[in-house]
Amino acid sequence: MKNNEIVELSSKELMAKLKDEKARLAKMTFNHTVAPIENPSQIKATKVTIARLLTEMRKRQLEVINK
């Protein structure tokens, strides 16, 4: 998920997407522990997406505080 796609999401969609991505990461990590997954770089990509979502949430929080 790209940054411009994340910025276009509403706050509720952002929270839902974050929850989904965290669940996806947990599932992938568990599956990779049990048996190696085909493309382990997916784990890293999911972590980056989670970081982007958290960054956007924090940015919005700071905008509200600074107003």
C-alpha atoms as a PDB file:
ATOM      1  CA  MET A   1       0.000   0.000   0.000  1.00  0.00           C
ATOM      2  CA  LYS A   2       1.453   3.330  -1.065  1.00  0.00           C
ATOM      3  CA  ASN A   3       1.510   6.535   0.965  1.00  0.00           C
ATOM      4  CA  ASN A   4      -0.928   8.346  -1.320  1.00  0.00           C
ATOM      5  CA  GLU A   5      -3.438   5.514  -0.838  1.00  0.00           C
ATOM      6  CA  ILE A   6      -3.018   5.722   2.926  1.00  0.00           C
ATOM      7  CA  VAL A   7      -3.552   9.495   3.016  1.00  0.00           C
ATOM      8  CA  GLU A   8      -6.859   9.100   1.157  1.00  0.00           C
ATOM      9  CA  LEU A   9      -8.286   6.732   3.798  1.00  0.00           C
ATOM     10  CA  SER A  10     -10.646   8.014   6.468  1.00  0.00           C
ATOM     11  CA  SER A  11      -9.679   7.582  10.098  1.00  0.00           C
ATOM     12  CA  LYS A  12     -12.007   4.591  10.554  1.00  0.00           C
ATOM     13  CA  GLU A  13     -10.662   2.937   7.405  1.00  0.00           C
ATOM     14  CA  LEU A  14      -7.139   3.619   8.638  1.00  0.00           C
ATOM     15  CA  MET A  15      -7.831   1.898  11.962  1.00  0.00           C
ATOM     16  CA  ALA A  16      -9.476  -1.081  10.222  1.00  0.00           C
ATOM     17  CA  LYS A  17      -6.589  -1.433   7.768  1.00  0.00           C
ATOM     18  CA  LEU A  18      -4.079  -1.293  10.626  1.00  0.00           C
ATOM     19  CA  LYS A  19      -5.935  -4.035  12.484  1.00  0.00           C
ATOM     20  CA  ASP A  20      -6.028  -6.199   9.339  1.00  0.00           C
ATOM     21  CA  GLU A  21      -2.338  -5.685   8.600  1.00  0.00           C
ATOM     22  CA  LYS A  22      -1.325  -6.543  12.175  1.00  0.00           C
ATOM     23  CA  ALA A  23      -3.378  -9.744  11.997  1.00  0.00           C
ATOM     24  CA  ARG A  24      -1.823 -10.560   8.621  1.00  0.00           C
ATOM     25  CA  LEU A  25       1.674 -10.022  10.037  1.00  0.00           C
ATOM     26  CA  ALA A  26       0.985 -12.269  13.022  1.00  0.00           C
ATOM     27  CA  LYS A  27      -0.355 -15.000  10.749  1.00  0.00           C
ATOM     28  CA  MET A  28       2.586 -14.757   8.344  1.00  0.00           C
ATOM     29  CA  THR A  29       5.116 -14.763  11.176  1.00  0.00           C
ATOM     30  CA  PHE A  30       3.537 -17.839  12.733  1.00  0.00           C
ATOM     31  CA  ASN A  31       3.368 -19.638   9.384  1.00  0.00           C
ATOM     32  CA  HIS A  32       6.993 -18.762   8.685  1.00  0.00           C
ATOM     33  CA  THR A  33       8.030 -20.141  12.070  1.00  0.00           C
ATOM     34  CA  VAL A  34       6.271 -23.448  11.449  1.00  0.00           C
ATOM     35  CA  ALA A  35       7.315 -23.854   7.818  1.00  0.00           C
ATOM     36  CA  PRO A  36       9.261 -21.373   5.680  1.00  0.00           C
ATOM     37  CA  ILE A  37       7.026 -19.284   3.452  1.00  0.00           C
ATOM     38  CA  GLU A  38       7.826 -18.827  -0.236  1.00  0.00           C
ATOM     39  CA  ASN A  39       8.588 -15.133  -0.072  1.00  0.00           C
ATOM     40  CA  PRO A  40       9.808 -13.995   3.365  1.00  0.00           C
ATOM     41  CA  SER A  41      10.162 -10.425   2.108  1.00  0.00           C
ATOM     42  CA  GLN A  42       6.361 -10.193   2.428  1.00  0.00           C
ATOM     43  CA  ILE A  43       6.883  -9.999   6.187  1.00  0.00           C
ATOM     44  CA  LYS A  44       9.114  -6.962   5.772  1.00  0.00           C
ATOM     45  CA  ALA A  45       6.652  -5.328   3.362  1.00  0.00           C
ATOM     46  CA  THR A  46       3.820  -5.833   5.839  1.00  0.00           C
ATOM     47  CA  LYS A  47       5.907  -4.261   8.620  1.00  0.00           C
ATOM     48  CA  VAL A  48       6.584  -1.254   6.381  1.00  0.00           C
ATOM     49  CA  THR A  49       2.860  -0.905   5.637  1.00  0.00           C
ATOM     50  CA  ILE A  50       2.056  -1.012   9.348  1.00  0.00           C
ATOM     51  CA  ALA A  51       4.657   1.682   9.995  1.00  0.00           C
ATOM     52  CA  ARG A  52       3.153   3.864   7.257  1.00  0.00           C
ATOM     53  CA  LEU A  53      -0.327   3.453   8.739  1.00  0.00           C
ATOM     54  CA  LEU A  54       0.920   4.315  12.233  1.00  0.00           C
ATOM     55  CA  THR A  55       2.790   7.339  10.897  1.00  0.00           C
ATOM     56  CA  GLU A  56      -0.339   8.660   9.183  1.00  0.00           C
ATOM     57  CA  MET A  57      -2.390   8.119  12.352  1.00  0.00           C
ATOM     58  CA  ARG A  58       0.184  10.016  14.413  1.00  0.00           C
ATOM     59  CA  LYS A  59       0.297  12.814  11.847  1.00  0.00           C
ATOM     60  CA  ARG A  60      -3.471  13.227  12.097  1.00  0.00           C
ATOM     61  CA  GLN A  61      -3.321  13.220  15.906  1.00  0.00           C
ATOM     62  CA  LEU A  62      -0.716  15.964  15.889  1.00  0.00           C
ATOM     63  CA  GLU A  63      -2.780  18.049  13.462  1.00  0.00           C
ATOM     64  CA  VAL A  64      -5.727  17.908  15.867  1.00  0.00           C
ATOM     65  CA  ILE A  65      -3.536  18.806  18.853  1.00  0.00           C
ATOM     66  CA  ASN A  66      -1.847  21.723  17.083  1.00  0.00           C
ATOM     67  CA  LYS A  67      -5.085  23.358  15.958  1.00  0.00           C
END
